[in-house]
Amino acid sequence: MRSRLGELAGLEQGEFFCWSPSWLRTFKRVRVLPKWTFDALRTPVIGEGVPALEPMKVRLTGDELEALRSAAAGGPGRRSASASAGPKGLEALEEERRRRQSAESGWRQAQQETARLRRELEQQGQALLGLQAALESLLKC
């Protein structure tokens, strides 16, 4: 093994030393072929463009296509509230959004009021401490 340590600096890209003393009982130089699929970990080369992606070809059966059309039109096969039928469904979603915004606004106002009251209480506490100190100094005289 020590005799092969000098070869470390001469390893090519995609080569490594495999050492498995107990399981495979081997120590050898191994060459790995480059990935033939997209290699997201590969360092890009200057001037190299982004590989073009081919559009996917999807084949749907008649039933699948009909279910997809029905869902897009807001029919019985729909999957979400956003695809609900007509303007009434959209109005309900808009009303829900308004209610949530109103609740968030009320919560923010309550937080601000609480912070204002805490500051006021802190100021009054400081004023009371000042009065207490003044009273104690008067009583000592």
Protein backbone atom coordinates (compact mmCIF):
# COMPACT_ATOMS: atom_id res chain seq x y z
CA MET A 1 0.00 0.00 0.00
CA ARG A 2 2.80 2.47 0.84
CA SER A 3 4.33 1.93 -2.55
CA ARG A 4 1.09 3.15 -4.22
CA LEU A 5 0.83 6.38 -2.16
CA GLY A 6 3.11 8.08 -4.69
CA GLU A 7 0.44 7.50 -7.33
CA LEU A 8 -2.13 9.69 -5.52
CA ALA A 9 -0.96 12.87 -7.22
CA GLY A 10 -1.22 11.20 -10.63
CA LEU A 11 -4.85 10.12 -10.36
CA GLU A 12 -6.98 11.20 -13.32
CA GLN A 13 -10.50 12.59 -13.04
CA GLY A 14 -12.82 9.68 -12.27
CA GLU A 15 -10.13 7.52 -10.66
CA PHE A 16 -9.74 6.56 -7.01
CA PHE A 17 -8.07 4.00 -4.81
CA CYS A 18 -10.47 1.45 -3.37
CA TRP A 19 -9.28 0.05 -0.05
CA SER A 20 -11.36 -2.55 1.74
CA PRO A 21 -9.03 -4.46 4.06
CA SER A 22 -11.64 -6.56 5.85
CA TRP A 23 -14.66 -6.98 3.57
CA LEU A 24 -13.25 -7.16 0.01
CA ARG A 25 -9.60 -7.51 1.07
CA THR A 26 -8.42 -5.29 -1.72
CA PHE A 27 -6.46 -2.16 -2.44
CA LYS A 28 -6.55 -1.13 -6.09
CA ARG A 29 -6.86 1.77 -8.48
CA VAL A 30 -10.39 2.03 -9.93
CA ARG A 31 -11.72 4.11 -12.84
CA VAL A 32 -15.37 5.24 -12.82
CA LEU A 33 -17.16 6.22 -16.02
CA PRO A 34 -18.67 9.72 -16.12
CA LYS A 35 -22.39 10.12 -15.56
CA TRP A 36 -24.43 9.93 -18.73
CA THR A 37 -27.51 11.49 -17.13
CA PHE A 38 -27.70 15.14 -16.03
CA ASP A 39 -24.96 15.77 -13.47
CA ALA A 40 -26.13 18.58 -11.20
CA LEU A 41 -22.92 18.39 -9.15
CA ARG A 42 -20.62 18.93 -12.12
CA THR A 43 -18.74 22.22 -12.22
CA PRO A 44 -19.90 24.18 -15.28
CA VAL A 45 -17.39 25.04 -17.99
CA ILE A 46 -17.03 28.67 -19.08
CA GLY A 47 -18.99 29.35 -22.25
CA GLU A 48 -21.08 26.21 -21.92
CA GLY A 49 -24.82 26.78 -22.35
CA VAL A 50 -27.66 25.29 -20.38
CA PRO A 51 -28.79 21.98 -21.88
CA ALA A 52 -32.12 22.20 -23.68
CA LEU A 53 -34.94 20.19 -22.17
CA GLU A 54 -37.27 18.34 -24.46
CA PRO A 55 -41.00 18.80 -23.90
CA MET A 56 -42.73 15.89 -22.22
CA LYS A 57 -45.21 13.91 -24.22
CA VAL A 58 -48.19 12.93 -22.10
CA ARG A 59 -50.74 10.43 -23.30
CA LEU A 60 -54.07 10.41 -21.53
CA THR A 61 -56.88 7.94 -21.92
CA GLY A 62 -60.32 9.25 -22.80
CA ASP A 63 -61.52 8.94 -19.18
CA GLU A 64 -58.46 10.74 -17.84
CA LEU A 65 -58.84 13.51 -20.38
CA GLU A 66 -62.53 13.91 -19.54
CA ALA A 67 -61.77 14.04 -15.80
CA LEU A 68 -59.12 16.70 -16.44
CA ARG A 69 -61.54 18.79 -18.52
CA SER A 70 -64.24 18.39 -15.87
CA ALA A 71 -61.88 19.52 -13.10
CA ALA A 72 -60.77 22.54 -15.13
CA ALA A 73 -64.41 23.48 -15.73
CA GLY A 74 -65.34 23.03 -12.07
CA GLY A 75 -67.23 19.80 -12.54
CA PRO A 76 -67.72 16.90 -10.14
CA GLY A 77 -64.16 15.67 -10.51
CA ARG A 78 -62.58 18.86 -9.16
CA ARG A 79 -59.86 18.56 -6.54
CA SER A 80 -59.60 21.98 -4.91
CA ALA A 81 -61.72 24.90 -3.74
CA SER A 82 -60.02 27.19 -6.25
CA ALA A 83 -61.66 25.22 -9.06
CA SER A 84 -65.14 25.56 -7.57
CA ALA A 85 -67.97 26.28 -9.94
CA GLY A 86 -68.50 29.81 -11.11
CA PRO A 87 -68.27 33.20 -9.48
CA LYS A 88 -69.93 32.07 -6.23
CA GLY A 89 -66.96 29.86 -5.44
CA LEU A 90 -64.59 32.74 -6.17
CA GLU A 91 -66.68 35.06 -4.01
CA ALA A 92 -66.45 32.61 -1.12
CA LEU A 93 -62.68 32.44 -1.47
CA GLU A 94 -62.45 36.24 -1.62
CA GLU A 95 -64.63 36.56 1.50
CA GLU A 96 -62.41 34.06 3.34
CA ARG A 97 -59.32 36.08 2.34
CA ARG A 98 -60.95 39.31 3.61
CA ARG A 99 -61.90 37.69 6.93
CA ARG A 100 -58.35 36.44 7.45
CA GLN A 101 -56.85 39.82 6.61
CA SER A 102 -59.26 41.48 9.04
CA ALA A 103 -58.35 39.02 11.79
CA GLU A 104 -54.62 39.57 11.15
CA SER A 105 -55.14 43.33 11.23
CA GLY A 106 -57.00 43.08 14.56
CA TRP A 107 -54.24 40.90 15.98
CA ARG A 108 -51.57 43.41 14.93
CA GLN A 109 -53.56 46.27 16.50
CA ALA A 110 -53.91 44.29 19.74
CA GLN A 111 -50.16 43.68 19.78
CA GLN A 112 -49.43 47.38 19.26
CA GLU A 113 -51.87 48.36 22.01
CA THR A 114 -50.32 45.84 24.39
CA ALA A 115 -46.84 47.21 23.68
CA ARG A 116 -48.09 50.80 24.25
CA LEU A 117 -49.70 49.84 27.58
CA ARG A 118 -46.52 48.09 28.72
CA ARG A 119 -44.45 51.19 27.94
CA GLU A 120 -46.95 53.36 29.83
CA LEU A 121 -46.91 51.01 32.81
CA GLU A 122 -43.10 51.04 32.82
CA GLN A 123 -43.11 54.87 32.83
CA GLN A 124 -45.62 54.99 35.70
CA GLY A 125 -43.54 52.47 37.65
CA GLN A 126 -40.45 54.66 37.18
CA ALA A 127 -42.43 57.70 38.34
CA LEU A 128 -43.60 55.82 41.46
CA LEU A 129 -40.01 54.82 42.27
CA GLY A 130 -39.01 58.49 42.01
CA LEU A 131 -41.85 59.52 44.33
CA GLN A 132 -40.93 56.78 46.79
CA ALA A 133 -37.32 57.98 46.87
CA ALA A 134 -38.43 61.57 47.41
CA LEU A 135 -40.80 60.54 50.23
CA GLU A 136 -38.06 58.53 51.97
CA SER A 137 -35.68 61.49 51.79
CA LEU A 138 -38.36 63.75 53.33
CA LEU A 139 -39.03 61.30 56.15
CA LYS A 140 -35.31 61.20 57.05
CA CYS A 141 -35.24 64.96 57.66
